[in-house]
Amino acid sequence: MPTRQYWRKAGASKADADLARQQCSQHLRNTDEYVGLLKESAVITKIWHAERTSAQKKRRKEIAARLGQLHDACMAGEGFEFVRRGFPVE
């Protein structure tokens, strides 16, 4: 049964993409920038929603965007290409 895959690489299966994603996550968790962003994000998240300032909300979006950029760069470094809507895997 076909499934959807969002990271593709010639000759790579979904299992290969999952393994690369896990390795990237492991690698990123060992970098100071990634860990610092996660900690800062957690502090903002703990603040009650109604009490968050607009600056904190904006910073949270910036952090999320940077975390995504780091992950995307790692996957691209592994040779994978991001496909927005995915593609069918036979």
N, C-alpha and C. Protein backbone atom coordinates (compact mmCIF):
# COMPACT_ATOMS: atom_id res chain seq x y z
N MET A 1 0.84 -1.18 0.00
CA MET A 1 0.00 0.00 0.00
C MET A 1 0.89 1.25 0.00
N PRO A 2 0.64 2.18 -0.90
CA PRO A 2 1.47 3.39 -0.95
C PRO A 2 1.30 4.24 0.31
N THR A 3 2.33 4.94 0.66
CA THR A 3 2.30 5.85 1.80
C THR A 3 2.86 7.20 1.35
N ARG A 4 2.88 8.15 2.23
CA ARG A 4 3.40 9.48 1.88
C ARG A 4 4.76 9.67 2.54
N GLN A 5 5.67 10.23 1.80
CA GLN A 5 7.00 10.50 2.32
C GLN A 5 7.35 11.93 1.99
N TYR A 6 7.88 12.67 2.95
CA TYR A 6 8.15 14.09 2.74
C TYR A 6 9.61 14.39 2.47
N TRP A 7 10.51 13.53 2.89
CA TRP A 7 11.93 13.68 2.57
C TRP A 7 12.28 12.59 1.59
N ARG A 8 12.84 12.94 0.44
CA ARG A 8 13.16 11.91 -0.53
C ARG A 8 14.62 12.00 -0.95
N LYS A 9 15.12 10.85 -1.35
CA LYS A 9 16.49 10.72 -1.82
C LYS A 9 16.48 9.56 -2.80
N ALA A 10 17.15 9.71 -3.90
CA ALA A 10 17.15 8.66 -4.92
C ALA A 10 17.62 7.34 -4.31
N GLY A 11 16.81 6.31 -4.46
CA GLY A 11 17.16 4.98 -3.98
C GLY A 11 16.93 4.76 -2.49
N ALA A 12 16.40 5.75 -1.78
CA ALA A 12 16.18 5.62 -0.34
C ALA A 12 14.73 5.24 -0.06
N SER A 13 14.55 4.39 0.93
CA SER A 13 13.20 3.98 1.33
C SER A 13 12.72 4.88 2.47
N LYS A 14 11.48 4.67 2.88
CA LYS A 14 10.94 5.42 4.01
C LYS A 14 11.73 5.10 5.27
N ALA A 15 12.15 3.85 5.41
CA ALA A 15 12.95 3.46 6.57
C ALA A 15 14.28 4.21 6.60
N ASP A 16 14.88 4.43 5.43
CA ASP A 16 16.13 5.19 5.35
C ASP A 16 15.90 6.64 5.79
N ALA A 17 14.79 7.22 5.36
CA ALA A 17 14.47 8.60 5.75
C ALA A 17 14.21 8.68 7.25
N ASP A 18 13.52 7.68 7.80
CA ASP A 18 13.26 7.66 9.25
C ASP A 18 14.56 7.55 10.03
N LEU A 19 15.47 6.70 9.56
CA LEU A 19 16.77 6.54 10.22
C LEU A 19 17.57 7.84 10.16
N ALA A 20 17.58 8.49 9.01
CA ALA A 20 18.29 9.77 8.87
C ALA A 20 17.68 10.82 9.78
N ARG A 21 16.35 10.83 9.90
CA ARG A 21 15.67 11.79 10.78
C ARG A 21 16.07 11.55 12.24
N GLN A 22 16.14 10.28 12.64
CA GLN A 22 16.54 9.96 14.01
C GLN A 22 17.99 10.38 14.27
N GLN A 23 18.86 10.12 13.30
CA GLN A 23 20.26 10.50 13.46
C GLN A 23 20.42 12.01 13.53
N CYS A 24 19.65 12.73 12.73
CA CYS A 24 19.70 14.20 12.78
C CYS A 24 19.23 14.71 14.13
N SER A 25 18.15 14.13 14.64
CA SER A 25 17.64 14.55 15.94
C SER A 25 18.68 14.30 17.03
N GLN A 26 19.33 13.14 16.97
CA GLN A 26 20.36 12.81 17.95
C GLN A 26 21.53 13.80 17.85
N HIS A 27 21.94 14.09 16.63
CA HIS A 27 23.05 15.03 16.42
C HIS A 27 22.69 16.43 16.92
N LEU A 28 21.48 16.88 16.60
CA LEU A 28 21.06 18.23 17.00
C LEU A 28 20.95 18.37 18.51
N ARG A 29 20.52 17.30 19.19
CA ARG A 29 20.41 17.36 20.65
C ARG A 29 21.76 17.52 21.33
N ASN A 30 22.84 17.28 20.59
CA ASN A 30 24.18 17.43 21.14
C ASN A 30 24.82 18.77 20.80
N THR A 31 24.07 19.66 20.13
CA THR A 31 24.62 20.99 19.80
C THR A 31 24.09 22.02 20.78
N ASP A 32 24.94 22.97 21.13
CA ASP A 32 24.58 23.99 22.13
C ASP A 32 23.45 24.89 21.66
N GLU A 33 23.47 25.29 20.38
CA GLU A 33 22.44 26.19 19.88
C GLU A 33 21.06 25.55 19.98
N TYR A 34 20.94 24.30 19.54
CA TYR A 34 19.66 23.60 19.54
C TYR A 34 19.13 23.44 20.96
N VAL A 35 19.99 23.01 21.87
CA VAL A 35 19.58 22.81 23.27
C VAL A 35 19.17 24.14 23.89
N GLY A 36 19.91 25.19 23.61
CA GLY A 36 19.57 26.51 24.15
C GLY A 36 18.22 27.00 23.66
N LEU A 37 17.95 26.79 22.37
CA LEU A 37 16.66 27.19 21.81
C LEU A 37 15.52 26.39 22.43
N LEU A 38 15.74 25.09 22.63
CA LEU A 38 14.70 24.26 23.25
C LEU A 38 14.39 24.72 24.67
N LYS A 39 15.43 25.04 25.43
CA LYS A 39 15.22 25.50 26.81
C LYS A 39 14.47 26.83 26.83
N GLU A 40 14.87 27.76 25.96
CA GLU A 40 14.19 29.06 25.91
C GLU A 40 12.73 28.88 25.50
N SER A 41 12.48 28.00 24.56
CA SER A 41 11.12 27.73 24.11
C SER A 41 10.28 27.14 25.24
N ALA A 42 10.88 26.24 26.01
CA ALA A 42 10.15 25.62 27.12
C ALA A 42 9.76 26.65 28.17
N VAL A 43 10.62 27.61 28.43
CA VAL A 43 10.31 28.66 29.40
C VAL A 43 9.13 29.49 28.93
N ILE A 44 9.12 29.86 27.65
CA ILE A 44 8.01 30.64 27.11
C ILE A 44 6.73 29.83 27.13
N THR A 45 6.83 28.53 26.83
CA THR A 45 5.64 27.68 26.79
C THR A 45 5.01 27.54 28.17
N LYS A 46 5.82 27.54 29.23
CA LYS A 46 5.30 27.37 30.59
C LYS A 46 4.49 28.57 31.06
N ILE A 47 4.74 29.71 30.47
CA ILE A 47 3.99 30.92 30.85
C ILE A 47 2.55 30.75 30.39
N TRP A 48 1.62 31.05 31.26
CA TRP A 48 0.21 30.91 30.93
C TRP A 48 -0.11 31.71 29.68
N HIS A 49 -0.90 31.12 28.80
CA HIS A 49 -1.18 31.69 27.48
C HIS A 49 -1.63 33.15 27.56
N ALA A 50 -2.50 33.47 28.48
CA ALA A 50 -3.04 34.83 28.58
C ALA A 50 -1.98 35.82 29.06
N GLU A 51 -0.94 35.33 29.73
CA GLU A 51 0.06 36.21 30.29
C GLU A 51 1.27 36.41 29.38
N ARG A 52 1.31 35.70 28.26
CA ARG A 52 2.44 35.86 27.34
C ARG A 52 2.35 37.21 26.65
N THR A 53 3.47 37.87 26.55
CA THR A 53 3.50 39.16 25.85
C THR A 53 3.64 38.90 24.35
N SER A 54 3.37 39.92 23.58
CA SER A 54 3.49 39.76 22.13
C SER A 54 4.95 39.51 21.74
N ALA A 55 5.89 40.08 22.50
CA ALA A 55 7.30 39.84 22.21
C ALA A 55 7.66 38.37 22.45
N GLN A 56 7.10 37.79 23.51
CA GLN A 56 7.36 36.37 23.79
C GLN A 56 6.74 35.49 22.71
N LYS A 57 5.55 35.84 22.27
CA LYS A 57 4.91 35.06 21.21
C LYS A 57 5.72 35.14 19.92
N LYS A 58 6.22 36.34 19.62
CA LYS A 58 7.04 36.52 18.42
C LYS A 58 8.34 35.73 18.54
N ARG A 59 8.95 35.78 19.72
CA ARG A 59 10.21 35.04 19.94
C ARG A 59 9.97 33.53 19.81
N ARG A 60 8.84 33.05 20.28
CA ARG A 60 8.52 31.62 20.19
C ARG A 60 8.44 31.19 18.73
N LYS A 61 7.85 32.03 17.88
CA LYS A 61 7.77 31.73 16.45
C LYS A 61 9.16 31.73 15.82
N GLU A 62 10.01 32.68 16.24
CA GLU A 62 11.38 32.73 15.73
C GLU A 62 12.17 31.48 16.12
N ILE A 63 11.97 31.03 17.35
CA ILE A 63 12.66 29.82 17.82
C ILE A 63 12.21 28.62 17.02
N ALA A 64 10.91 28.48 16.82
CA ALA A 64 10.38 27.35 16.05
C ALA A 64 10.92 27.35 14.62
N ALA A 65 11.01 28.53 14.02
CA ALA A 65 11.54 28.63 12.66
C ALA A 65 13.01 28.22 12.62
N ARG A 66 13.79 28.65 13.60
CA ARG A 66 15.22 28.31 13.63
C ARG A 66 15.42 26.82 13.88
N LEU A 67 14.62 26.22 14.76
CA LEU A 67 14.73 24.78 14.99
C LEU A 67 14.43 24.01 13.71
N GLY A 68 13.44 24.47 12.97
CA GLY A 68 13.10 23.84 11.70
C GLY A 68 14.23 23.98 10.69
N GLN A 69 14.87 25.15 10.65
CA GLN A 69 15.99 25.36 9.74
C GLN A 69 17.15 24.43 10.06
N LEU A 70 17.43 24.26 11.35
CA LEU A 70 18.52 23.37 11.75
C LEU A 70 18.23 21.93 11.33
N HIS A 71 16.99 21.49 11.54
CA HIS A 71 16.62 20.13 11.16
C HIS A 71 16.67 19.95 9.65
N ASP A 72 16.15 20.91 8.92
CA ASP A 72 16.16 20.84 7.45
C ASP A 72 17.59 20.80 6.91
N ALA A 73 18.48 21.59 7.51
CA ALA A 73 19.87 21.60 7.06
C ALA A 73 20.53 20.25 7.31
N CYS A 74 20.21 19.63 8.42
CA CYS A 74 20.77 18.32 8.73
C CYS A 74 20.28 17.28 7.72
N MET A 75 18.99 17.27 7.44
CA MET A 75 18.44 16.30 6.48
C MET A 75 19.00 16.55 5.08
N ALA A 76 19.15 17.80 4.70
CA ALA A 76 19.74 18.12 3.39
C ALA A 76 21.19 17.66 3.34
N GLY A 77 21.88 17.76 4.47
CA GLY A 77 23.26 17.30 4.55
C GLY A 77 23.37 15.79 4.38
N GLU A 78 22.30 15.08 4.72
CA GLU A 78 22.26 13.62 4.54
C GLU A 78 21.91 13.25 3.10
N GLY A 79 21.62 14.26 2.28
CA GLY A 79 21.31 14.01 0.87
C GLY A 79 19.84 13.92 0.55
N PHE A 80 18.97 14.25 1.51
CA PHE A 80 17.53 14.18 1.28
C PHE A 80 17.02 15.52 0.79
N GLU A 81 15.94 15.47 0.02
CA GLU A 81 15.30 16.66 -0.52
C GLU A 81 13.88 16.72 0.05
N PHE A 82 13.47 17.90 0.50
CA PHE A 82 12.13 18.05 1.06
C PHE A 82 11.13 18.25 -0.05
N VAL A 83 10.03 17.48 0.00
CA VAL A 83 8.95 17.60 -0.98
C VAL A 83 7.71 18.01 -0.20
N ARG A 84 7.15 19.17 -0.53
CA ARG A 84 6.05 19.74 0.26
C ARG A 84 4.90 18.78 0.51
N ARG A 85 4.33 18.23 -0.53
CA ARG A 85 3.17 17.37 -0.35
C ARG A 85 3.53 15.90 -0.33
N GLY A 86 4.79 15.60 -0.38
CA GLY A 86 5.21 14.21 -0.36
C GLY A 86 5.03 13.56 -1.71
N PHE A 87 5.35 12.31 -1.80
CA PHE A 87 5.18 11.58 -3.04
C PHE A 87 4.84 10.14 -2.69
N PRO A 88 4.13 9.45 -3.56
CA PRO A 88 3.75 8.08 -3.25
C PRO A 88 4.95 7.14 -3.27
N VAL A 89 4.99 6.24 -2.32
CA VAL A 89 6.04 5.23 -2.25
C VAL A 89 5.40 3.89 -2.54
N GLU A 90 5.88 3.20 -3.51
CA GLU A 90 5.31 1.89 -3.90
C GLU A 90 5.86 0.80 -3.03
